Amino acid sequence: MSENTRTEEFKIDGEKLIAKVKELIHEGKIRKIIIKDKEGKTLMEIPMTFGVVGVLLAPQLAAIGAIAALVTEATLVVEKSE
């Protein structure tokens, strides 16, 4: 991780997972989103390359929806650009 990035973690209920991911993406400056289960196991890692929006993000959101249906609690690790 470079000195111009920072990491934030959010504990979130599975049912609110998609809404939180969409909110974070809308805020911008996201480099990567990692979704972990409550034991800390990585379930999904989404690199947010410049220009990945809309239709290109739809498959990832569908996968996040499937994860949300399976977990009761998740941790979002968000790597942001400063």
N, C-alpha and C. Protein backbone atom coordinates (compact mmCIF):
# COMPACT_ATOMS: atom_id res chain seq x y z
N MET A 1 0.85 -1.17 0.00
CA MET A 1 0.00 0.00 0.00
C MET A 1 0.89 1.23 0.00
N SER A 2 0.62 2.17 -0.89
CA SER A 2 1.45 3.37 -0.98
C SER A 2 1.06 4.35 0.10
N GLU A 3 1.87 5.40 0.25
CA GLU A 3 1.60 6.38 1.29
C GLU A 3 0.38 7.24 0.97
N ASN A 4 -0.14 7.19 -0.25
CA ASN A 4 -1.30 7.97 -0.64
C ASN A 4 -2.60 7.19 -0.56
N THR A 5 -2.59 6.05 0.12
CA THR A 5 -3.81 5.27 0.29
C THR A 5 -4.03 5.03 1.78
N ARG A 6 -5.29 4.81 2.12
CA ARG A 6 -5.62 4.46 3.49
C ARG A 6 -6.67 3.35 3.46
N THR A 7 -6.78 2.63 4.55
CA THR A 7 -7.71 1.52 4.63
C THR A 7 -8.72 1.78 5.73
N GLU A 8 -9.97 1.49 5.43
CA GLU A 8 -11.04 1.59 6.41
C GLU A 8 -11.76 0.25 6.47
N GLU A 9 -12.25 -0.10 7.64
CA GLU A 9 -13.03 -1.34 7.80
C GLU A 9 -14.40 -1.01 8.34
N PHE A 10 -15.41 -1.70 7.81
CA PHE A 10 -16.79 -1.52 8.25
C PHE A 10 -17.37 -2.89 8.58
N LYS A 11 -17.91 -3.06 9.77
CA LYS A 11 -18.67 -4.27 10.12
C LYS A 11 -20.11 -3.99 9.71
N ILE A 12 -20.70 -4.90 8.98
CA ILE A 12 -22.02 -4.63 8.43
C ILE A 12 -22.84 -5.92 8.36
N ASP A 13 -24.15 -5.79 8.54
CA ASP A 13 -25.05 -6.93 8.38
C ASP A 13 -25.09 -7.33 6.91
N GLY A 14 -25.23 -8.64 6.66
CA GLY A 14 -25.27 -9.13 5.29
C GLY A 14 -26.33 -8.47 4.44
N GLU A 15 -27.50 -8.18 5.03
CA GLU A 15 -28.61 -7.60 4.27
C GLU A 15 -28.32 -6.17 3.82
N LYS A 16 -27.36 -5.49 4.45
CA LYS A 16 -27.03 -4.11 4.09
C LYS A 16 -25.76 -4.01 3.25
N LEU A 17 -25.22 -5.15 2.88
CA LEU A 17 -23.93 -5.20 2.18
C LEU A 17 -23.94 -4.48 0.84
N ILE A 18 -24.89 -4.77 -0.02
CA ILE A 18 -24.93 -4.14 -1.35
C ILE A 18 -25.10 -2.64 -1.24
N ALA A 19 -26.00 -2.20 -0.36
CA ALA A 19 -26.23 -0.76 -0.20
C ALA A 19 -24.95 -0.05 0.22
N LYS A 20 -24.19 -0.65 1.14
CA LYS A 20 -22.95 -0.02 1.61
C LYS A 20 -21.90 0.01 0.50
N VAL A 21 -21.78 -1.07 -0.26
CA VAL A 21 -20.82 -1.10 -1.36
C VAL A 21 -21.17 -0.02 -2.39
N LYS A 22 -22.45 0.09 -2.75
CA LYS A 22 -22.87 1.13 -3.70
C LYS A 22 -22.56 2.52 -3.17
N GLU A 23 -22.81 2.73 -1.88
CA GLU A 23 -22.53 4.03 -1.26
C GLU A 23 -21.05 4.36 -1.34
N LEU A 24 -20.20 3.39 -1.04
CA LEU A 24 -18.75 3.61 -1.08
C LEU A 24 -18.27 3.90 -2.49
N ILE A 25 -18.80 3.17 -3.46
CA ILE A 25 -18.41 3.39 -4.86
C ILE A 25 -18.83 4.78 -5.30
N HIS A 26 -20.02 5.20 -4.89
CA HIS A 26 -20.54 6.52 -5.26
C HIS A 26 -19.65 7.64 -4.68
N GLU A 27 -19.09 7.42 -3.49
CA GLU A 27 -18.21 8.41 -2.86
C GLU A 27 -16.94 8.62 -3.69
N GLY A 28 -16.52 7.61 -4.41
CA GLY A 28 -15.33 7.70 -5.25
C GLY A 28 -14.05 7.48 -4.48
N LYS A 29 -12.94 7.57 -5.19
CA LYS A 29 -11.59 7.41 -4.66
C LYS A 29 -11.35 6.03 -4.03
N ILE A 30 -12.14 5.03 -4.43
CA ILE A 30 -11.97 3.67 -3.94
C ILE A 30 -11.02 2.94 -4.88
N ARG A 31 -10.00 2.31 -4.30
CA ARG A 31 -9.05 1.53 -5.09
C ARG A 31 -9.41 0.04 -5.08
N LYS A 32 -9.91 -0.42 -3.92
CA LYS A 32 -10.20 -1.84 -3.79
C LYS A 32 -11.21 -2.04 -2.66
N ILE A 33 -12.11 -3.01 -2.84
CA ILE A 33 -13.05 -3.40 -1.79
C ILE A 33 -12.84 -4.89 -1.54
N ILE A 34 -12.69 -5.24 -0.28
CA ILE A 34 -12.54 -6.64 0.12
C ILE A 34 -13.70 -6.97 1.06
N ILE A 35 -14.37 -8.08 0.80
CA ILE A 35 -15.46 -8.53 1.65
C ILE A 35 -14.99 -9.77 2.39
N LYS A 36 -15.10 -9.72 3.73
CA LYS A 36 -14.68 -10.84 4.58
C LYS A 36 -15.86 -11.31 5.41
N ASP A 37 -15.85 -12.61 5.74
CA ASP A 37 -16.89 -13.11 6.64
C ASP A 37 -16.51 -12.76 8.08
N LYS A 38 -17.38 -13.13 9.04
CA LYS A 38 -17.12 -12.72 10.42
C LYS A 38 -15.91 -13.39 11.04
N GLU A 39 -15.41 -14.46 10.43
CA GLU A 39 -14.18 -15.11 10.89
C GLU A 39 -12.93 -14.47 10.28
N GLY A 40 -13.13 -13.53 9.35
CA GLY A 40 -12.01 -12.85 8.72
C GLY A 40 -11.55 -13.46 7.41
N LYS A 41 -12.24 -14.48 6.93
CA LYS A 41 -11.89 -15.12 5.66
C LYS A 41 -12.35 -14.24 4.50
N THR A 42 -11.46 -13.98 3.55
CA THR A 42 -11.81 -13.16 2.39
C THR A 42 -12.76 -13.93 1.48
N LEU A 43 -13.91 -13.32 1.21
CA LEU A 43 -14.91 -13.92 0.34
C LEU A 43 -14.82 -13.37 -1.08
N MET A 44 -14.47 -12.09 -1.18
CA MET A 44 -14.43 -11.44 -2.49
C MET A 44 -13.52 -10.23 -2.42
N GLU A 45 -12.78 -10.01 -3.49
CA GLU A 45 -11.91 -8.84 -3.60
C GLU A 45 -12.20 -8.18 -4.94
N ILE A 46 -12.54 -6.88 -4.88
CA ILE A 46 -12.92 -6.17 -6.10
C ILE A 46 -11.97 -5.00 -6.32
N PRO A 47 -11.07 -5.10 -7.30
CA PRO A 47 -10.24 -3.93 -7.63
C PRO A 47 -11.09 -2.92 -8.38
N MET A 48 -11.02 -1.69 -8.00
CA MET A 48 -11.82 -0.64 -8.62
C MET A 48 -10.92 0.18 -9.55
N THR A 49 -10.68 -0.35 -10.72
CA THR A 49 -9.85 0.36 -11.68
C THR A 49 -10.58 1.57 -12.20
N PHE A 50 -9.85 2.55 -12.62
CA PHE A 50 -10.44 3.79 -13.11
C PHE A 50 -11.42 3.51 -14.22
N GLY A 51 -12.62 4.03 -14.10
CA GLY A 51 -13.62 3.88 -15.15
C GLY A 51 -14.54 2.69 -15.01
N VAL A 52 -14.36 1.88 -13.95
CA VAL A 52 -15.26 0.74 -13.75
C VAL A 52 -16.52 1.24 -13.06
N VAL A 53 -17.57 1.41 -13.85
CA VAL A 53 -18.85 1.86 -13.32
C VAL A 53 -19.98 1.20 -14.10
N GLY A 54 -21.18 1.37 -13.60
CA GLY A 54 -22.38 0.94 -14.32
C GLY A 54 -22.39 -0.50 -14.73
N VAL A 55 -22.49 -0.74 -16.02
CA VAL A 55 -22.63 -2.09 -16.57
C VAL A 55 -21.44 -2.98 -16.21
N LEU A 56 -20.25 -2.41 -16.18
CA LEU A 56 -19.08 -3.21 -15.85
C LEU A 56 -19.08 -3.68 -14.40
N LEU A 57 -19.77 -2.96 -13.53
CA LEU A 57 -19.83 -3.30 -12.12
C LEU A 57 -20.98 -4.27 -11.80
N ALA A 58 -21.94 -4.40 -12.70
CA ALA A 58 -23.12 -5.23 -12.46
C ALA A 58 -22.80 -6.68 -12.06
N PRO A 59 -21.86 -7.36 -12.72
CA PRO A 59 -21.57 -8.74 -12.29
C PRO A 59 -21.03 -8.82 -10.86
N GLN A 60 -20.22 -7.85 -10.45
CA GLN A 60 -19.69 -7.84 -9.09
C GLN A 60 -20.82 -7.61 -8.09
N LEU A 61 -21.75 -6.71 -8.43
CA LEU A 61 -22.88 -6.46 -7.52
C LEU A 61 -23.77 -7.69 -7.40
N ALA A 62 -23.94 -8.43 -8.46
CA ALA A 62 -24.71 -9.68 -8.39
C ALA A 62 -24.02 -10.69 -7.47
N ALA A 63 -22.71 -10.78 -7.57
CA ALA A 63 -21.94 -11.68 -6.71
C ALA A 63 -22.02 -11.23 -5.25
N ILE A 64 -21.98 -9.92 -5.02
CA ILE A 64 -22.10 -9.39 -3.65
C ILE A 64 -23.49 -9.74 -3.10
N GLY A 65 -24.51 -9.66 -3.94
CA GLY A 65 -25.85 -10.04 -3.52
C GLY A 65 -25.92 -11.49 -3.07
N ALA A 66 -25.24 -12.36 -3.79
CA ALA A 66 -25.21 -13.78 -3.42
C ALA A 66 -24.49 -13.98 -2.09
N ILE A 67 -23.40 -13.25 -1.90
CA ILE A 67 -22.66 -13.32 -0.63
C ILE A 67 -23.55 -12.81 0.50
N ALA A 68 -24.23 -11.69 0.26
CA ALA A 68 -25.10 -11.10 1.28
C ALA A 68 -26.18 -12.07 1.73
N ALA A 69 -26.66 -12.89 0.82
CA ALA A 69 -27.69 -13.86 1.16
C ALA A 69 -27.15 -14.98 2.04
N LEU A 70 -25.85 -15.21 2.00
CA LEU A 70 -25.25 -16.31 2.74
C LEU A 70 -24.65 -15.92 4.09
N VAL A 71 -24.30 -14.66 4.27
CA VAL A 71 -23.64 -14.25 5.52
C VAL A 71 -24.57 -13.37 6.35
N THR A 72 -24.44 -13.50 7.66
CA THR A 72 -25.23 -12.64 8.55
C THR A 72 -24.46 -11.38 8.90
N GLU A 73 -23.15 -11.49 8.88
CA GLU A 73 -22.30 -10.35 9.21
C GLU A 73 -21.07 -10.40 8.32
N ALA A 74 -20.66 -9.23 7.85
CA ALA A 74 -19.49 -9.17 6.99
C ALA A 74 -18.63 -7.97 7.39
N THR A 75 -17.39 -8.01 6.97
CA THR A 75 -16.50 -6.87 7.14
C THR A 75 -16.11 -6.39 5.76
N LEU A 76 -16.29 -5.10 5.51
CA LEU A 76 -15.82 -4.48 4.27
C LEU A 76 -14.51 -3.80 4.58
N VAL A 77 -13.49 -4.15 3.83
CA VAL A 77 -12.20 -3.47 3.93
C VAL A 77 -12.09 -2.64 2.65
N VAL A 78 -11.94 -1.34 2.84
CA VAL A 78 -11.94 -0.42 1.71
C VAL A 78 -10.60 0.29 1.64
N GLU A 79 -9.94 0.18 0.50
CA GLU A 79 -8.68 0.89 0.26
C GLU A 79 -9.01 2.12 -0.57
N LYS A 80 -8.71 3.30 -0.01
CA LYS A 80 -9.05 4.56 -0.66
C LYS A 80 -7.80 5.32 -1.03
N SER A 81 -7.90 6.09 -2.12
CA SER A 81 -6.86 7.02 -2.51
C SER A 81 -7.04 8.29 -1.71
N GLU A 82 -5.94 8.88 -1.34
CA GLU A 82 -6.00 10.17 -0.62
C GLU A 82 -6.08 11.30 -1.58
